[in-house]
C-alpha atoms as a PDB file:
ATOM      1  CA  UNK A   1      14.413  -6.203   8.832  1.00  0.00           C
ATOM      2  CA  UNK A   2      11.395  -5.227   6.640  1.00  0.00           C
ATOM      3  CA  UNK A   3      10.297  -1.505   6.199  1.00  0.00           C
ATOM      4  CA  UNK A   4       7.342  -0.619   8.189  1.00  0.00           C
ATOM      5  CA  UNK A   5       3.997  -0.400   6.161  1.00  0.00           C
ATOM      6  CA  UNK A   6       3.509   3.189   7.029  1.00  0.00           C
ATOM      7  CA  UNK A   7       6.895   4.157   5.429  1.00  0.00           C
ATOM      8  CA  UNK A   8       6.031   2.239   2.251  1.00  0.00           C
ATOM      9  CA  UNK A   9       2.675   4.067   2.198  1.00  0.00           C
ATOM     10  CA  UNK A  10       4.324   7.446   2.618  1.00  0.00           C
ATOM     11  CA  UNK A  11       6.691   6.609  -0.289  1.00  0.00           C
ATOM     12  CA  UNK A  12       3.710   5.841  -2.479  1.00  0.00           C
ATOM     13  CA  UNK A  13       1.960   9.103  -1.623  1.00  0.00           C
ATOM     14  CA  UNK A  14       5.385  10.937  -2.447  1.00  0.00           C
ATOM     15  CA  UNK A  15       5.645   9.174  -5.704  1.00  0.00           C
ATOM     16  CA  UNK A  16       2.087   9.738  -6.821  1.00  0.00           C
ATOM     17  CA  UNK A  17       2.685  13.418  -5.927  1.00  0.00           C
ATOM     18  CA  UNK A  18       0.376  16.248  -5.315  1.00  0.00           C
ATOM     19  CA  UNK A  19      -0.113  17.106  -8.960  1.00  0.00           C
ATOM     20  CA  UNK A  20      -1.810  13.936  -9.746  1.00  0.00           C
ATOM     21  CA  UNK A  21      -4.657  14.699  -7.215  1.00  0.00           C
ATOM     22  CA  UNK A  22      -5.934  17.513  -9.303  1.00  0.00           C
ATOM     23  CA  UNK A  23      -6.436  14.996 -12.018  1.00  0.00           C
ATOM     24  CA  UNK A  24      -6.148  11.507 -10.448  1.00  0.00           C
ATOM     25  CA  UNK A  25      -6.113   8.277 -12.226  1.00  0.00           C
ATOM     26  CA  UNK A  26      -8.913   5.874 -11.445  1.00  0.00           C
ATOM     27  CA  UNK A  27      -6.769   3.350  -9.486  1.00  0.00           C
ATOM     28  CA  UNK A  28      -5.447   6.315  -7.255  1.00  0.00           C
ATOM     29  CA  UNK A  29      -9.087   7.185  -6.394  1.00  0.00           C
ATOM     30  CA  UNK A  30      -9.986   3.637  -5.294  1.00  0.00           C
ATOM     31  CA  UNK A  31      -6.593   2.838  -3.650  1.00  0.00           C
ATOM     32  CA  UNK A  32      -6.355   5.940  -1.753  1.00  0.00           C
ATOM     33  CA  UNK A  33      -8.536   4.991   1.287  1.00  0.00           C
ATOM     34  CA  UNK A  34      -6.406   1.862   1.740  1.00  0.00           C
ATOM     35  CA  UNK A  35      -3.168   3.907   1.314  1.00  0.00           C
ATOM     36  CA  UNK A  36      -4.307   6.312   3.998  1.00  0.00           C
ATOM     37  CA  UNK A  37      -5.038   3.410   6.349  1.00  0.00           C
ATOM     38  CA  UNK A  38      -1.600   2.038   5.605  1.00  0.00           C
ATOM     39  CA  UNK A  39      -0.114   5.276   7.048  1.00  0.00           C
ATOM     40  CA  UNK A  40      -1.382   4.054  10.465  1.00  0.00           C
ATOM     41  CA  UNK A  41      -0.039   0.492  10.140  1.00  0.00           C
ATOM     42  CA  UNK A  42       3.571  -0.651  11.005  1.00  0.00           C
ATOM     43  CA  UNK A  43       3.194  -4.484  10.607  1.00  0.00           C
ATOM     44  CA  UNK A  44       0.776  -7.007   9.144  1.00  0.00           C
ATOM     45  CA  UNK A  45      -0.209  -7.994  12.559  1.00  0.00           C
ATOM     46  CA  UNK A  46      -1.640  -4.581  13.228  1.00  0.00           C
ATOM     47  CA  UNK A  47      -5.333  -3.557  12.776  1.00  0.00           C
ATOM     48  CA  UNK A  48      -6.997  -0.330  11.379  1.00  0.00           C
ATOM     49  CA  UNK A  49     -10.140  -0.105  13.245  1.00  0.00           C
ATOM     50  CA  UNK A  50     -11.612  -3.712  12.921  1.00  0.00           C
ATOM     51  CA  UNK A  51      -9.860  -4.505   9.696  1.00  0.00           C
ATOM     52  CA  UNK A  52      -6.618  -6.558   9.782  1.00  0.00           C
ATOM     53  CA  UNK A  53      -3.544  -4.844   8.191  1.00  0.00           C
ATOM     54  CA  UNK A  54      -3.181  -7.924   5.882  1.00  0.00           C
ATOM     55  CA  UNK A  55      -6.527  -7.043   4.407  1.00  0.00           C
ATOM     56  CA  UNK A  56      -5.843  -3.407   4.001  1.00  0.00           C
ATOM     57  CA  UNK A  57      -2.550  -4.139   2.091  1.00  0.00           C
ATOM     58  CA  UNK A  58      -4.358  -6.619  -0.064  1.00  0.00           C
ATOM     59  CA  UNK A  59      -7.127  -4.174  -1.000  1.00  0.00           C
ATOM     60  CA  UNK A  60      -4.468  -1.591  -1.780  1.00  0.00           C
ATOM     61  CA  UNK A  61      -2.672  -4.035  -4.018  1.00  0.00           C
ATOM     62  CA  UNK A  62      -5.981  -4.909  -5.775  1.00  0.00           C
ATOM     63  CA  UNK A  63      -6.911  -1.294  -6.316  1.00  0.00           C
ATOM     64  CA  UNK A  64      -3.438  -0.140  -7.426  1.00  0.00           C
ATOM     65  CA  UNK A  65      -3.004  -3.020  -9.922  1.00  0.00           C
ATOM     66  CA  UNK A  66      -3.096  -0.680 -12.792  1.00  0.00           C
ATOM     67  CA  UNK A  67      -0.224   1.287 -11.490  1.00  0.00           C
ATOM     68  CA  UNK A  68       2.885   0.773 -13.651  1.00  0.00           C
ATOM     69  CA  UNK A  69       6.447   1.602 -13.739  1.00  0.00           C
ATOM     70  CA  UNK A  70       9.679   0.484 -11.861  1.00  0.00           C
ATOM     71  CA  UNK A  71       8.568   2.174  -8.572  1.00  0.00           C
ATOM     72  CA  UNK A  72       5.318   0.473  -8.735  1.00  0.00           C
ATOM     73  CA  UNK A  73       6.873  -2.948  -9.367  1.00  0.00           C
ATOM     74  CA  UNK A  74       9.441  -2.511  -6.576  1.00  0.00           C
ATOM     75  CA  UNK A  75       6.740  -1.433  -4.071  1.00  0.00           C
ATOM     76  CA  UNK A  76       4.273  -3.993  -4.873  1.00  0.00           C
ATOM     77  CA  UNK A  77       7.017  -6.691  -4.771  1.00  0.00           C
ATOM     78  CA  UNK A  78       7.887  -5.358  -1.237  1.00  0.00           C
ATOM     79  CA  UNK A  79       4.346  -5.499  -0.132  1.00  0.00           C
ATOM     80  CA  UNK A  80       3.850  -9.023  -1.612  1.00  0.00           C
ATOM     81  CA  UNK A  81       6.938 -10.168   0.193  1.00  0.00           C
ATOM     82  CA  UNK A  82       5.551  -9.089   3.412  1.00  0.00           C
ATOM     83  CA  UNK A  83       2.380 -10.898   2.820  1.00  0.00           C
ATOM     84  CA  UNK A  84       4.177 -14.052   1.768  1.00  0.00           C
ATOM     85  CA  UNK A  85       6.303 -14.009   4.964  1.00  0.00           C
ATOM     86  CA  UNK A  86       3.170 -13.717   7.072  1.00  0.00           C
ATOM     87  CA  UNK A  87       1.805 -16.760   5.318  1.00  0.00           C
ATOM     88  CA  UNK A  88       4.793 -18.843   5.959  1.00  0.00           C
ATOM     89  CA  UNK A  89       4.884 -18.219   9.660  1.00  0.00           C
END
């Protein structure tokens, strides 16, 4: 069973850590609104206001594209797999 999107978002916030917000990287500033929205989303069939969860996740991935490292690679792969599974149904 795939992990809920809000749990993935919570992990990203933990990984980015509070110290980064005193001197954030550019992608964090732009990705944060989508990351916060993802905290209220469990599946890609949910909505955040009028925005489909799928769009929120895609916008997060786009804005977090410069995020690097093993954690980034793993989390981006997990989110992309969720998106791929929705397209296949």
